[in-house]
Amino acid sequence: MRESDKEERYPFAAYEKIMDRVCEILEGVPGHKLLDVGIGTGKLARKLMANGYSVTGVDFSQNMLNEAAQANPDAVLITWDFSKGLPDFIKTHDYSAVLCNYAIHHLTPCEKKVLISDMAKCLDPEGIIVIGDVMTETLEEMNYAMGKDADLWDEDEYYIVVDEFREQMSEYHMEFEKFSYCSGVLVMEPPKK
């Protein structure tokens, strides 16, 4: 267990609760075909596959995908640098939901916009995007989190401030659920095709 898990500190404050909430949200989505962007070692995918979902996972790290393959032998795993969006062949699929759990913070704001646009292209008409990560509703809350955990804070990551993100991605309907002083879950509904 990471030190920040034990202490409920940045960056993994409420991490397990967020994974549980992502699973709950997906239970309400019609269909069982998921795309997990930034699948990592496949911990969340394992929970989802145990609940009957089929999972396609994308990650830039072959080492992470090797671990994910051991934990999830039935998952389709693709090595891809998602800072460049999604590969064209994925955009032709219709997923019930696209999720990104603790990975989108690696992308700059411009890269996030490209990725989310690509995520929307591969959703079925009722599909949603679910993001769990370090994020806050307001800049004031983000500044508080940075100050509280200055000894741990990673200046090279780009965390979502939901108020600002809503303005940047105004065509999407968004619902944010806070899970700690520095983390939460964002559900995005793209404009109808």
C-alpha atoms as a PDB file:
ATOM      1  CA  MET A   1       0.000   0.000   0.000  1.00  0.00           C
ATOM      2  CA  ARG A   2       1.298   3.442  -0.917  1.00  0.00           C
ATOM      3  CA  GLU A   3       1.986   5.890   1.901  1.00  0.00           C
ATOM      4  CA  SER A   4      -0.552   8.339   0.460  1.00  0.00           C
ATOM      5  CA  ASP A   5      -3.215   5.573   0.524  1.00  0.00           C
ATOM      6  CA  LYS A   6      -2.705   4.946   4.221  1.00  0.00           C
ATOM      7  CA  GLU A   7      -2.829   8.631   5.050  1.00  0.00           C
ATOM      8  CA  GLU A   8      -5.673   9.458   2.635  1.00  0.00           C
ATOM      9  CA  ARG A   9      -3.422  12.033   1.035  1.00  0.00           C
ATOM     10  CA  TYR A  10      -2.736  13.219  -2.488  1.00  0.00           C
ATOM     11  CA  PRO A  11      -2.573  11.688  -5.010  1.00  0.00           C
ATOM     12  CA  PHE A  12      -4.490   8.561  -3.980  1.00  0.00           C
ATOM     13  CA  ALA A  13      -6.932   9.961  -1.421  1.00  0.00           C
ATOM     14  CA  ALA A  14     -10.200   8.016  -1.848  1.00  0.00           C
ATOM     15  CA  TYR A  15      -8.716   5.932  -4.691  1.00  0.00           C
ATOM     16  CA  GLU A  16     -10.582   2.726  -3.747  1.00  0.00           C
ATOM     17  CA  LYS A  17     -13.840   4.626  -3.250  1.00  0.00           C
ATOM     18  CA  ILE A  18     -13.432   6.210  -6.673  1.00  0.00           C
ATOM     19  CA  MET A  19     -12.908   2.803  -8.300  1.00  0.00           C
ATOM     20  CA  ASP A  20     -16.032   1.499  -6.549  1.00  0.00           C
ATOM     21  CA  ARG A  21     -18.018   4.535  -7.703  1.00  0.00           C
ATOM     22  CA  VAL A  22     -16.852   4.129 -11.309  1.00  0.00           C
ATOM     23  CA  CYS A  23     -18.141   0.532 -11.168  1.00  0.00           C
ATOM     24  CA  GLU A  24     -21.479   1.722  -9.742  1.00  0.00           C
ATOM     25  CA  ILE A  25     -21.875   4.354 -12.456  1.00  0.00           C
ATOM     26  CA  LEU A  26     -21.173   1.793 -15.161  1.00  0.00           C
ATOM     27  CA  GLU A  27     -23.858  -0.532 -13.765  1.00  0.00           C
ATOM     28  CA  GLY A  28     -26.425   2.022 -14.955  1.00  0.00           C
ATOM     29  CA  VAL A  29     -25.081   2.171 -18.497  1.00  0.00           C
ATOM     30  CA  PRO A  30     -26.774   0.002 -21.126  1.00  0.00           C
ATOM     31  CA  GLY A  31     -24.353  -2.474 -22.701  1.00  0.00           C
ATOM     32  CA  HIS A  32     -21.235  -4.151 -21.408  1.00  0.00           C
ATOM     33  CA  LYS A  33     -18.506  -3.076 -23.834  1.00  0.00           C
ATOM     34  CA  LEU A  34     -15.953  -0.743 -22.214  1.00  0.00           C
ATOM     35  CA  LEU A  35     -12.834   1.102 -23.304  1.00  0.00           C
ATOM     36  CA  ASP A  36     -10.361   1.751 -20.477  1.00  0.00           C
ATOM     37  CA  VAL A  37      -7.903   4.492 -21.480  1.00  0.00           C
ATOM     38  CA  GLY A  38      -4.805   4.321 -19.307  1.00  0.00           C
ATOM     39  CA  ILE A  39      -5.667   0.815 -18.099  1.00  0.00           C
ATOM     40  CA  GLY A  40      -2.335   0.515 -16.272  1.00  0.00           C
ATOM     41  CA  THR A  41      -2.024  -2.789 -14.446  1.00  0.00           C
ATOM     42  CA  GLY A  42      -5.705  -3.556 -14.986  1.00  0.00           C
ATOM     43  CA  LYS A  43      -6.917  -3.365 -11.388  1.00  0.00           C
ATOM     44  CA  LEU A  44     -10.177  -1.608 -12.289  1.00  0.00           C
ATOM     45  CA  ALA A  45     -10.612  -3.753 -15.414  1.00  0.00           C
ATOM     46  CA  ARG A  46     -10.410  -6.881 -13.267  1.00  0.00           C
ATOM     47  CA  LYS A  47     -13.342  -5.657 -11.152  1.00  0.00           C
ATOM     48  CA  LEU A  48     -15.342  -4.747 -14.243  1.00  0.00           C
ATOM     49  CA  MET A  49     -14.678  -8.021 -16.043  1.00  0.00           C
ATOM     50  CA  ALA A  50     -15.755  -9.921 -12.919  1.00  0.00           C
ATOM     51  CA  ASN A  51     -19.086  -8.096 -13.310  1.00  0.00           C
ATOM     52  CA  GLY A  52     -19.501  -9.286 -16.908  1.00  0.00           C
ATOM     53  CA  TYR A  53     -18.041  -6.403 -18.890  1.00  0.00           C
ATOM     54  CA  SER A  54     -15.790  -6.876 -21.895  1.00  0.00           C
ATOM     55  CA  VAL A  55     -12.847  -4.493 -21.670  1.00  0.00           C
ATOM     56  CA  THR A  56     -10.504  -3.063 -24.256  1.00  0.00           C
ATOM     57  CA  GLY A  57      -7.569  -1.349 -22.587  1.00  0.00           C
ATOM     58  CA  VAL A  58      -5.141   1.215 -23.951  1.00  0.00           C
ATOM     59  CA  ASP A  59      -1.896   2.238 -22.273  1.00  0.00           C
ATOM     60  CA  PHE A  60       1.443   3.692 -23.371  1.00  0.00           C
ATOM     61  CA  SER A  61       3.403   1.402 -21.038  1.00  0.00           C
ATOM     62  CA  GLN A  62       4.091  -2.101 -22.298  1.00  0.00           C
ATOM     63  CA  ASN A  63       5.203  -3.106 -18.797  1.00  0.00           C
ATOM     64  CA  MET A  64       1.833  -2.039 -17.377  1.00  0.00           C
ATOM     65  CA  LEU A  65       0.011  -3.872 -20.168  1.00  0.00           C
ATOM     66  CA  ASN A  66       1.997  -7.027 -19.432  1.00  0.00           C
ATOM     67  CA  GLU A  67       0.722  -6.895 -15.840  1.00  0.00           C
ATOM     68  CA  ALA A  68      -2.807  -6.131 -17.062  1.00  0.00           C
ATOM     69  CA  ALA A  69      -2.662  -9.153 -19.402  1.00  0.00           C
ATOM     70  CA  GLN A  70      -1.748 -11.465 -16.513  1.00  0.00           C
ATOM     71  CA  ALA A  71      -4.628 -10.140 -14.404  1.00  0.00           C
ATOM     72  CA  ASN A  72      -7.104  -9.935 -17.298  1.00  0.00           C
ATOM     73  CA  PRO A  73      -6.333 -12.591 -19.930  1.00  0.00           C
ATOM     74  CA  ASP A  74      -9.654 -11.947 -21.731  1.00  0.00           C
ATOM     75  CA  ALA A  75      -9.125  -8.197 -22.125  1.00  0.00           C
ATOM     76  CA  VAL A  76      -8.078  -6.735 -25.474  1.00  0.00           C
ATOM     77  CA  LEU A  77      -4.947  -4.691 -24.738  1.00  0.00           C
ATOM     78  CA  ILE A  78      -3.408  -2.086 -27.029  1.00  0.00           C
ATOM     79  CA  THR A  79      -0.110  -0.275 -26.642  1.00  0.00           C
ATOM     80  CA  TRP A  80      -0.753   3.329 -27.607  1.00  0.00           C
ATOM     81  CA  ASP A  81       0.337   6.803 -26.537  1.00  0.00           C
ATOM     82  CA  PHE A  82      -3.068   8.283 -25.740  1.00  0.00           C
ATOM     83  CA  SER A  83      -1.562  11.770 -25.465  1.00  0.00           C
ATOM     84  CA  LYS A  84      -2.072  11.659 -29.245  1.00  0.00           C
ATOM     85  CA  GLY A  85      -5.749  10.721 -28.912  1.00  0.00           C
ATOM     86  CA  LEU A  86      -6.968   7.235 -29.806  1.00  0.00           C
ATOM     87  CA  PRO A  87      -5.963   5.037 -32.735  1.00  0.00           C
ATOM     88  CA  ASP A  88      -8.290   5.294 -35.746  1.00  0.00           C
ATOM     89  CA  PHE A  89      -9.386   1.656 -35.580  1.00  0.00           C
ATOM     90  CA  ILE A  90     -10.776   2.161 -32.057  1.00  0.00           C
ATOM     91  CA  LYS A  91     -12.894   5.113 -33.202  1.00  0.00           C
ATOM     92  CA  THR A  92     -14.910   2.725 -35.390  1.00  0.00           C
ATOM     93  CA  HIS A  93     -16.172   0.805 -32.330  1.00  0.00           C
ATOM     94  CA  ASP A  94     -19.238   1.643 -30.280  1.00  0.00           C
ATOM     95  CA  TYR A  95     -18.442   1.344 -26.580  1.00  0.00           C
ATOM     96  CA  SER A  96     -21.063   1.583 -23.848  1.00  0.00           C
ATOM     97  CA  ALA A  97     -18.649   3.749 -21.867  1.00  0.00           C
ATOM     98  CA  VAL A  98     -15.098   5.008 -22.011  1.00  0.00           C
ATOM     99  CA  LEU A  99     -13.299   5.345 -18.725  1.00  0.00           C
ATOM    100  CA  CYS A 100     -10.044   6.897 -17.682  1.00  0.00           C
ATOM    101  CA  ASN A 101      -9.025   6.264 -14.094  1.00  0.00           C
ATOM    102  CA  TYR A 102      -5.983   8.104 -12.734  1.00  0.00           C
ATOM    103  CA  ALA A 103      -4.376   8.594 -16.154  1.00  0.00           C
ATOM    104  CA  ILE A 104      -5.716  11.745 -17.823  1.00  0.00           C
ATOM    105  CA  HIS A 105      -3.580  13.949 -15.554  1.00  0.00           C
ATOM    106  CA  HIS A 106      -0.573  13.035 -17.713  1.00  0.00           C
ATOM    107  CA  LEU A 107      -2.050  15.053 -20.598  1.00  0.00           C
ATOM    108  CA  THR A 108      -1.853  18.783 -21.215  1.00  0.00           C
ATOM    109  CA  PRO A 109      -5.166  20.648 -21.548  1.00  0.00           C
ATOM    110  CA  CYS A 110      -4.904  20.528 -25.370  1.00  0.00           C
ATOM    111  CA  GLU A 111      -4.126  16.797 -25.330  1.00  0.00           C
ATOM    112  CA  LYS A 112      -7.120  16.228 -23.019  1.00  0.00           C
ATOM    113  CA  LYS A 113      -9.428  17.934 -25.517  1.00  0.00           C
ATOM    114  CA  VAL A 114      -8.180  15.743 -28.373  1.00  0.00           C
ATOM    115  CA  LEU A 115      -8.492  12.577 -26.303  1.00  0.00           C
ATOM    116  CA  ILE A 116     -12.004  13.375 -25.079  1.00  0.00           C
ATOM    117  CA  SER A 117     -13.116  14.191 -28.610  1.00  0.00           C
ATOM    118  CA  ASP A 118     -11.791  10.792 -29.722  1.00  0.00           C
ATOM    119  CA  MET A 119     -13.480   9.110 -26.739  1.00  0.00           C
ATOM    120  CA  ALA A 120     -16.815  10.618 -27.783  1.00  0.00           C
ATOM    121  CA  LYS A 121     -16.373   9.308 -31.343  1.00  0.00           C
ATOM    122  CA  CYS A 122     -16.217   5.706 -30.186  1.00  0.00           C
ATOM    123  CA  LEU A 123     -19.263   5.788 -27.887  1.00  0.00           C
ATOM    124  CA  ASP A 124     -22.605   4.293 -28.740  1.00  0.00           C
ATOM    125  CA  PRO A 125     -25.472   6.854 -28.779  1.00  0.00           C
ATOM    126  CA  GLU A 126     -26.214   6.444 -25.056  1.00  0.00           C
ATOM    127  CA  GLY A 127     -22.567   6.117 -24.025  1.00  0.00           C
ATOM    128  CA  ILE A 128     -20.747   8.155 -21.401  1.00  0.00           C
ATOM    129  CA  ILE A 129     -17.191   9.080 -20.462  1.00  0.00           C
ATOM    130  CA  VAL A 130     -16.189   8.463 -16.827  1.00  0.00           C
ATOM    131  CA  ILE A 131     -13.021  10.016 -15.401  1.00  0.00           C
ATOM    132  CA  GLY A 132     -11.715   9.334 -11.897  1.00  0.00           C
ATOM    133  CA  ASP A 133      -8.628  11.262 -10.861  1.00  0.00           C
ATOM    134  CA  VAL A 134      -7.077  14.030  -8.848  1.00  0.00           C
ATOM    135  CA  MET A 135      -9.467  16.900  -9.616  1.00  0.00           C
ATOM    136  CA  THR A 136     -11.421  19.576  -7.830  1.00  0.00           C
ATOM    137  CA  GLU A 137     -14.489  21.626  -8.620  1.00  0.00           C
ATOM    138  CA  THR A 138     -12.798  24.999  -8.186  1.00  0.00           C
ATOM    139  CA  LEU A 139      -9.344  26.512  -8.534  1.00  0.00           C
ATOM    140  CA  GLU A 140      -9.533  27.518  -4.869  1.00  0.00           C
ATOM    141  CA  GLU A 141      -9.948  23.834  -3.905  1.00  0.00           C
ATOM    142  CA  MET A 142      -7.045  22.840  -6.153  1.00  0.00           C
ATOM    143  CA  ASN A 143      -4.823  25.499  -4.590  1.00  0.00           C
ATOM    144  CA  TYR A 144      -5.802  24.208  -1.138  1.00  0.00           C
ATOM    145  CA  ALA A 145      -4.852  20.642  -2.126  1.00  0.00           C
ATOM    146  CA  MET A 146      -1.516  21.837  -3.560  1.00  0.00           C
ATOM    147  CA  GLY A 147      -0.726  23.681  -0.349  1.00  0.00           C
ATOM    148  CA  LYS A 148      -1.847  20.851   1.921  1.00  0.00           C
ATOM    149  CA  ASP A 149       0.365  18.340   0.103  1.00  0.00           C
ATOM    150  CA  ALA A 150       3.209  20.528  -1.113  1.00  0.00           C
ATOM    151  CA  ASP A 151       5.691  17.842  -0.024  1.00  0.00           C
ATOM    152  CA  LEU A 152       4.093  15.294  -2.400  1.00  0.00           C
ATOM    153  CA  TRP A 153       2.665  17.469  -5.195  1.00  0.00           C
ATOM    154  CA  ASP A 154       3.722  16.641  -8.765  1.00  0.00           C
ATOM    155  CA  GLU A 155       4.151  19.863 -10.733  1.00  0.00           C
ATOM    156  CA  ASP A 156       4.489  17.919 -14.004  1.00  0.00           C
ATOM    157  CA  GLU A 157       0.885  16.726 -14.044  1.00  0.00           C
ATOM    158  CA  TYR A 158      -2.211  18.552 -15.275  1.00  0.00           C
ATOM    159  CA  TYR A 159      -5.195  18.092 -12.987  1.00  0.00           C
ATOM    160  CA  ILE A 160      -8.739  18.979 -13.979  1.00  0.00           C
ATOM    161  CA  VAL A 161     -10.432  21.928 -12.316  1.00  0.00           C
ATOM    162  CA  VAL A 162     -14.036  21.152 -13.191  1.00  0.00           C
ATOM    163  CA  ASP A 163     -15.264  24.778 -13.352  1.00  0.00           C
ATOM    164  CA  GLU A 164     -12.589  25.588 -15.948  1.00  0.00           C
ATOM    165  CA  PHE A 165     -13.056  22.279 -17.762  1.00  0.00           C
ATOM    166  CA  ARG A 166     -16.788  22.932 -18.156  1.00  0.00           C
ATOM    167  CA  GLU A 167     -15.954  26.167 -19.973  1.00  0.00           C
ATOM    168  CA  GLN A 168     -13.355  24.480 -22.206  1.00  0.00           C
ATOM    169  CA  MET A 169     -15.649  21.545 -23.061  1.00  0.00           C
ATOM    170  CA  SER A 170     -19.000  23.357 -22.966  1.00  0.00           C
ATOM    171  CA  GLU A 171     -20.636  21.055 -25.527  1.00  0.00           C
ATOM    172  CA  TYR A 172     -20.520  18.199 -22.977  1.00  0.00           C
ATOM    173  CA  HIS A 173     -22.928  17.744 -20.094  1.00  0.00           C
ATOM    174  CA  MET A 174     -20.854  17.095 -16.944  1.00  0.00           C
ATOM    175  CA  GLU A 175     -21.608  15.828 -13.465  1.00  0.00           C
ATOM    176  CA  PHE A 176     -18.858  15.971 -10.841  1.00  0.00           C
ATOM    177  CA  GLU A 177     -18.803  14.015  -7.610  1.00  0.00           C
ATOM    178  CA  LYS A 178     -16.196  14.948  -5.011  1.00  0.00           C
ATOM    179  CA  PHE A 179     -14.591  12.108  -3.035  1.00  0.00           C
ATOM    180  CA  SER A 180     -11.836  13.896  -1.135  1.00  0.00           C
ATOM    181  CA  TYR A 181     -10.270  17.320  -0.897  1.00  0.00           C
ATOM    182  CA  CYS A 182      -8.236  16.476  -4.030  1.00  0.00           C
ATOM    183  CA  SER A 183     -10.122  13.801  -5.997  1.00  0.00           C
ATOM    184  CA  GLY A 184     -13.400  12.929  -7.613  1.00  0.00           C
ATOM    185  CA  VAL A 185     -15.317  11.395 -10.479  1.00  0.00           C
ATOM    186  CA  LEU A 186     -16.457  13.281 -13.558  1.00  0.00           C
ATOM    187  CA  VAL A 187     -19.162  11.858 -15.834  1.00  0.00           C
ATOM    188  CA  MET A 188     -19.374  13.426 -19.283  1.00  0.00           C
ATOM    189  CA  GLU A 189     -22.163  13.038 -21.816  1.00  0.00           C
ATOM    190  CA  PRO A 190     -21.100  14.101 -25.292  1.00  0.00           C
ATOM    191  CA  PRO A 191     -23.390  15.962 -27.648  1.00  0.00           C
ATOM    192  CA  LYS A 192     -25.721  13.570 -29.464  1.00  0.00           C
ATOM    193  CA  LYS A 193     -24.426  12.343 -32.823  1.00  0.00           C
END
